[in-house]
C-alpha atoms as a PDB file:
ATOM      1  CA  MET A   1      45.002  -6.426 125.482  1.00  0.00           C
ATOM      2  CA  ALA A   2      42.367  -3.768 124.843  1.00  0.00           C
ATOM      3  CA  ILE A   3      40.527  -1.895 128.048  1.00  0.00           C
ATOM      4  CA  GLY A   4      37.712  -1.613 128.114  1.00  0.00           C
ATOM      5  CA  ARG A   5      36.563   0.579 131.066  1.00  0.00           C
ATOM      6  CA  LEU A   6      38.896   2.169 133.139  1.00  0.00           C
ATOM      7  CA  ALA A   7      38.359   3.052 137.006  1.00  0.00           C
ATOM      8  CA  ILE A   8      40.171   4.656 139.938  1.00  0.00           C
ATOM      9  CA  GLY A   9      41.363   1.170 141.360  1.00  0.00           C
ATOM     10  CA  LYS A  10      39.630  -0.713 138.761  1.00  0.00           C
ATOM     11  CA  ALA A  11      40.140  -2.161 135.533  1.00  0.00           C
ATOM     12  CA  ARG A  12      37.987  -4.479 132.591  1.00  0.00           C
ATOM     13  CA  ILE A  13      40.022  -6.153 130.309  1.00  0.00           C
ATOM     14  CA  ARG A  14      38.296  -8.801 128.011  1.00  0.00           C
ATOM     15  CA  ASN A  15      36.208 -10.778 130.687  1.00  0.00           C
ATOM     16  CA  LEU A  16      38.768 -10.130 133.608  1.00  0.00           C
ATOM     17  CA  GLU A  17      38.061  -7.765 136.340  1.00  0.00           C
ATOM     18  CA  ILE A  18      40.678  -6.578 138.251  1.00  0.00           C
ATOM     19  CA  ASP A  19      39.490  -4.503 141.954  1.00  0.00           C
ATOM     20  CA  ASN A  20      42.815  -3.903 144.417  1.00  0.00           C
ATOM     21  CA  LEU A  21      44.666  -6.908 142.424  1.00  0.00           C
ATOM     22  CA  THR A  22      42.060  -9.470 142.922  1.00  0.00           C
ATOM     23  CA  VAL A  23      41.065 -11.213 139.437  1.00  0.00           C
ATOM     24  CA  ARG A  24      37.840 -12.486 138.641  1.00  0.00           C
ATOM     25  CA  ASN A  25      36.085 -13.748 135.499  1.00  0.00           C
ATOM     26  CA  ILE A  26      32.987 -12.198 134.076  1.00  0.00           C
ATOM     27  CA  PRO A  27      30.649 -14.617 132.778  1.00  0.00           C
ATOM     28  CA  GLY A  28      29.240 -13.562 129.238  1.00  0.00           C
ATOM     29  CA  GLU A  29      31.999 -10.914 128.529  1.00  0.00           C
ATOM     30  CA  GLY A  30      32.809 -12.187 124.903  1.00  0.00           C
ATOM     31  CA  SER A  31      36.215 -14.587 125.622  1.00  0.00           C
ATOM     32  CA  PHE A  32      37.117 -18.062 126.051  1.00  0.00           C
ATOM     33  CA  ASP A  33      36.020 -19.971 129.246  1.00  0.00           C
ATOM     34  CA  HIS A  34      39.045 -22.359 129.831  1.00  0.00           C
ATOM     35  CA  ASP A  35      37.245 -23.977 133.206  1.00  0.00           C
ATOM     36  CA  ALA A  36      33.983 -24.225 131.734  1.00  0.00           C
ATOM     37  CA  GLY A  37      35.199 -25.631 127.953  1.00  0.00           C
ATOM     38  CA  GLY A  38      32.880 -23.205 126.077  1.00  0.00           C
ATOM     39  CA  ARG A  39      33.382 -20.780 123.433  1.00  0.00           C
ATOM     40  CA  SER A  40      31.427 -17.415 123.422  1.00  0.00           C
ATOM     41  CA  ASP A  41      29.902 -14.911 120.930  1.00  0.00           C
ATOM     42  CA  VAL A  42      33.794 -13.148 120.184  1.00  0.00           C
ATOM     43  CA  ALA A  43      36.253 -15.195 118.653  1.00  0.00           C
ATOM     44  CA  MET A  44      39.679 -15.761 120.191  1.00  0.00           C
ATOM     45  CA  THR A  45      42.441 -14.913 118.333  1.00  0.00           C
ATOM     46  CA  THR A  46      44.548 -17.870 116.516  1.00  0.00           C
ATOM     47  CA  ALA A  47      47.481 -17.015 119.079  1.00  0.00           C
ATOM     48  CA  ASP A  48      45.156 -17.466 122.113  1.00  0.00           C
ATOM     49  CA  VAL A  49      43.756 -20.861 120.344  1.00  0.00           C
ATOM     50  CA  ALA A  50      47.455 -22.067 119.522  1.00  0.00           C
ATOM     51  CA  GLN A  51      48.451 -20.931 123.838  1.00  0.00           C
ATOM     52  CA  GLY A  52      45.524 -22.743 124.755  1.00  0.00           C
ATOM     53  CA  TYR A  53      45.586 -25.970 122.796  1.00  0.00           C
ATOM     54  CA  VAL A  54      49.307 -26.437 123.076  1.00  0.00           C
ATOM     55  CA  SER A  55      49.093 -25.707 127.096  1.00  0.00           C
ATOM     56  CA  LEU A  56      46.468 -29.226 127.281  1.00  0.00           C
ATOM     57  CA  CYS A  57      48.817 -31.117 124.799  1.00  0.00           C
ATOM     58  CA  ARG A  58      51.827 -30.368 127.475  1.00  0.00           C
ATOM     59  CA  ARG A  59      49.728 -31.547 129.823  1.00  0.00           C
ATOM     60  CA  GLY A  60      49.028 -34.946 127.656  1.00  0.00           C
ATOM     61  CA  GLU A  61      45.549 -33.873 127.539  1.00  0.00           C
ATOM     62  CA  PHE A  62      44.881 -34.831 124.179  1.00  0.00           C
ATOM     63  CA  ASP A  63      41.251 -35.720 124.016  1.00  0.00           C
ATOM     64  CA  GLU A  64      40.215 -32.271 125.960  1.00  0.00           C
ATOM     65  CA  ALA A  65      42.617 -30.541 123.758  1.00  0.00           C
ATOM     66  CA  MET A  66      40.085 -31.619 120.395  1.00  0.00           C
ATOM     67  CA  ALA A  67      36.885 -31.194 122.624  1.00  0.00           C
ATOM     68  CA  ARG A  68      38.042 -28.096 123.005  1.00  0.00           C
ATOM     69  CA  PHE A  69      39.233 -26.103 120.381  1.00  0.00           C
ATOM     70  CA  PHE A  70      38.678 -28.480 117.306  1.00  0.00           C
ATOM     71  CA  SER A  71      35.289 -27.361 114.844  1.00  0.00           C
ATOM     72  CA  ALA A  72      32.662 -29.773 114.933  1.00  0.00           C
ATOM     73  CA  ASP A  73      33.327 -30.118 111.119  1.00  0.00           C
ATOM     74  CA  HIS A  74      37.236 -30.266 111.456  1.00  0.00           C
ATOM     75  CA  VAL A  75      39.165 -31.944 108.464  1.00  0.00           C
ATOM     76  CA  ARG A  76      42.747 -33.564 109.198  1.00  0.00           C
ATOM     77  CA  PHE A  77      44.701 -34.084 106.148  1.00  0.00           C
ATOM     78  CA  GLU A  78      47.353 -36.791 106.690  1.00  0.00           C
ATOM     79  CA  PRO A  79      50.012 -37.436 103.914  1.00  0.00           C
ATOM     80  CA  LEU A  80      50.952 -40.950 105.720  1.00  0.00           C
ATOM     81  CA  ASP A  81      53.159 -42.374 102.511  1.00  0.00           C
ATOM     82  CA  VAL A  82      54.596 -40.243  99.612  1.00  0.00           C
ATOM     83  CA  ARG A  83      53.648 -43.651  97.246  1.00  0.00           C
ATOM     84  CA  GLU A  84      49.930 -43.737  98.346  1.00  0.00           C
ATOM     85  CA  PRO A  85      47.521 -40.663  98.776  1.00  0.00           C
ATOM     86  CA  PRO A  86      46.748 -38.914 101.652  1.00  0.00           C
ATOM     87  CA  ILE A  87      44.490 -39.331 104.396  1.00  0.00           C
ATOM     88  CA  GLU A  88      41.627 -36.828 105.135  1.00  0.00           C
ATOM     89  CA  MET A  89      39.346 -37.064 107.778  1.00  0.00           C
ATOM     90  CA  HIS A  90      36.162 -35.103 107.971  1.00  0.00           C
ATOM     91  CA  GLY A  91      34.578 -34.499 111.108  1.00  0.00           C
ATOM     92  CA  MET A  92      35.356 -35.592 115.163  1.00  0.00           C
ATOM     93  CA  GLU A  93      33.666 -38.845 115.127  1.00  0.00           C
ATOM     94  CA  GLY A  94      36.417 -39.999 112.499  1.00  0.00           C
ATOM     95  CA  ILE A  95      39.351 -37.568 113.621  1.00  0.00           C
ATOM     96  CA  ARG A  96      38.140 -39.542 117.428  1.00  0.00           C
ATOM     97  CA  GLN A  97      38.965 -43.241 116.346  1.00  0.00           C
ATOM     98  CA  GLY A  98      41.729 -42.750 114.812  1.00  0.00           C
ATOM     99  CA  SER A  99      43.413 -40.717 117.547  1.00  0.00           C
ATOM    100  CA  ARG A 100      41.717 -44.063 120.021  1.00  0.00           C
ATOM    101  CA  GLU A 101      43.062 -46.682 117.085  1.00  0.00           C
ATOM    102  CA  PHE A 102      46.491 -45.126 117.543  1.00  0.00           C
ATOM    103  CA  ALA A 103      46.028 -45.220 121.354  1.00  0.00           C
ATOM    104  CA  GLU A 104      45.340 -48.932 121.309  1.00  0.00           C
ATOM    105  CA  GLN A 105      48.177 -49.737 119.482  1.00  0.00           C
ATOM    106  CA  HIS A 106      51.146 -47.493 121.303  1.00  0.00           C
ATOM    107  CA  GLU A 107      52.198 -47.768 124.818  1.00  0.00           C
ATOM    108  CA  ILE A 108      52.869 -43.868 124.998  1.00  0.00           C
ATOM    109  CA  HIS A 109      56.174 -43.527 126.966  1.00  0.00           C
ATOM    110  CA  ASP A 110      56.471 -39.613 126.251  1.00  0.00           C
ATOM    111  CA  VAL A 111      55.604 -36.936 124.490  1.00  0.00           C
ATOM    112  CA  GLU A 112      57.572 -33.745 123.548  1.00  0.00           C
ATOM    113  CA  VAL A 113      55.205 -30.619 122.343  1.00  0.00           C
ATOM    114  CA  ASP A 114      57.216 -27.464 120.875  1.00  0.00           C
ATOM    115  CA  GLY A 115      55.384 -24.501 119.801  1.00  0.00           C
ATOM    116  CA  PRO A 116      53.437 -23.169 118.992  1.00  0.00           C
ATOM    117  CA  PHE A 117      54.433 -21.466 115.801  1.00  0.00           C
ATOM    118  CA  VAL A 118      51.684 -18.730 114.764  1.00  0.00           C
ATOM    119  CA  GLY A 119      51.417 -16.667 111.902  1.00  0.00           C
ATOM    120  CA  GLY A 120      48.151 -15.306 110.139  1.00  0.00           C
ATOM    121  CA  MET A 121      45.124 -18.019 110.973  1.00  0.00           C
ATOM    122  CA  ARG A 122      47.503 -20.732 111.103  1.00  0.00           C
ATOM    123  CA  PHE A 123      49.929 -22.434 113.692  1.00  0.00           C
ATOM    124  CA  ALA A 124      52.584 -25.289 114.085  1.00  0.00           C
ATOM    125  CA  VAL A 125      53.311 -27.967 116.389  1.00  0.00           C
ATOM    126  CA  GLY A 126      56.145 -30.071 117.021  1.00  0.00           C
ATOM    127  CA  PHE A 127      55.578 -33.410 118.322  1.00  0.00           C
ATOM    128  CA  SER A 128      58.090 -35.650 119.408  1.00  0.00           C
ATOM    129  CA  ILE A 129      56.683 -38.905 120.861  1.00  0.00           C
ATOM    130  CA  ASP A 130      58.726 -41.585 122.210  1.00  0.00           C
ATOM    131  CA  ALA A 131      55.990 -44.768 121.743  1.00  0.00           C
ATOM    132  CA  THR A 132      56.234 -48.879 121.883  1.00  0.00           C
ATOM    133  CA  PHE A 133      53.887 -50.332 118.916  1.00  0.00           C
ATOM    134  CA  THR A 134      52.522 -53.038 120.707  1.00  0.00           C
ATOM    135  CA  PRO A 135      51.950 -55.280 118.399  1.00  0.00           C
ATOM    136  CA  THR A 136      55.777 -55.763 117.712  1.00  0.00           C
ATOM    137  CA  GLY A 137      57.186 -54.336 120.797  1.00  0.00           C
ATOM    138  CA  ARG A 138      59.045 -52.030 118.500  1.00  0.00           C
ATOM    139  CA  ARG A 139      59.909 -48.777 120.149  1.00  0.00           C
ATOM    140  CA  ALA A 140      60.774 -45.586 118.165  1.00  0.00           C
ATOM    141  CA  THR A 141      60.478 -41.827 118.381  1.00  0.00           C
ATOM    142  CA  ILE A 142      58.136 -40.427 115.806  1.00  0.00           C
ATOM    143  CA  ARG A 143      58.540 -36.829 114.737  1.00  0.00           C
ATOM    144  CA  LYS A 144      55.763 -34.711 113.690  1.00  0.00           C
ATOM    145  CA  LEU A 145      54.592 -31.479 112.505  1.00  0.00           C
ATOM    146  CA  ASP A 146      51.230 -30.132 112.761  1.00  0.00           C
ATOM    147  CA  VAL A 147      50.043 -27.059 111.149  1.00  0.00           C
ATOM    148  CA  TYR A 148      46.761 -25.841 112.336  1.00  0.00           C
ATOM    149  CA  THR A 149      43.974 -23.694 110.397  1.00  0.00           C
ATOM    150  CA  VAL A 150      41.461 -21.367 112.802  1.00  0.00           C
ATOM    151  CA  GLN A 151      38.598 -19.915 112.037  1.00  0.00           C
ATOM    152  CA  GLY A 152      36.359 -18.188 114.349  1.00  0.00           C
ATOM    153  CA  GLY A 153      37.506 -18.856 117.246  1.00  0.00           C
ATOM    154  CA  ALA A 154      38.188 -22.520 116.475  1.00  0.00           C
ATOM    155  CA  ILE A 155      40.544 -24.951 114.714  1.00  0.00           C
ATOM    156  CA  VAL A 156      38.884 -26.332 111.802  1.00  0.00           C
ATOM    157  CA  ARG A 157      41.877 -28.143 109.653  1.00  0.00           C
ATOM    158  CA  SER A 158      44.968 -29.444 110.578  1.00  0.00           C
ATOM    159  CA  GLU A 159      47.767 -30.885 108.239  1.00  0.00           C
ATOM    160  CA  VAL A 160      50.109 -33.840 109.711  1.00  0.00           C
ATOM    161  CA  TYR A 161      53.790 -34.176 108.722  1.00  0.00           C
ATOM    162  CA  TYR A 162      55.730 -36.558 109.599  1.00  0.00           C
ATOM    163  CA  SER A 163      59.356 -37.142 109.464  1.00  0.00           C
ATOM    164  CA  ALA A 164      61.241 -39.506 107.175  1.00  0.00           C
ATOM    165  CA  SER A 165      62.897 -41.150 109.649  1.00  0.00           C
ATOM    166  CA  ALA A 166      59.828 -41.718 111.718  1.00  0.00           C
ATOM    167  CA  ARG A 167      58.699 -43.726 108.895  1.00  0.00           C
END
């Protein structure tokens, strides 16, 4: 982390001020305030976005993860089947609707999150979802790899790839 100011017994690192081992947020200092859910004037790095996003996913807070980290004009690319053209959704409302439909049709027993794996302006996260498809009662493990693109401190694109055994 870059240190902005140093004084005896006091240091300022991005939006944290450390004074005699007391840490507090300094509003408006140019970093993401996870508690408030807002972005600031300084973009987060891809690693920052990846860690924050995955942290929420591990707690099962998928809607919150999307709300905090996906850009309003997010694009989701999802090749569901090799025999059909991939689905490409633009904008958050369509993506939220797809998530609601999945949740309505599945009883989720467990979700494992692997990653993030960061490289440049992209990162990948593996998901293993133990779920029952409620219309048929069939239980299965859905394995997928999501690849995210970050620009300006927000996730602007996600590409979703499913394991052949999950289909």
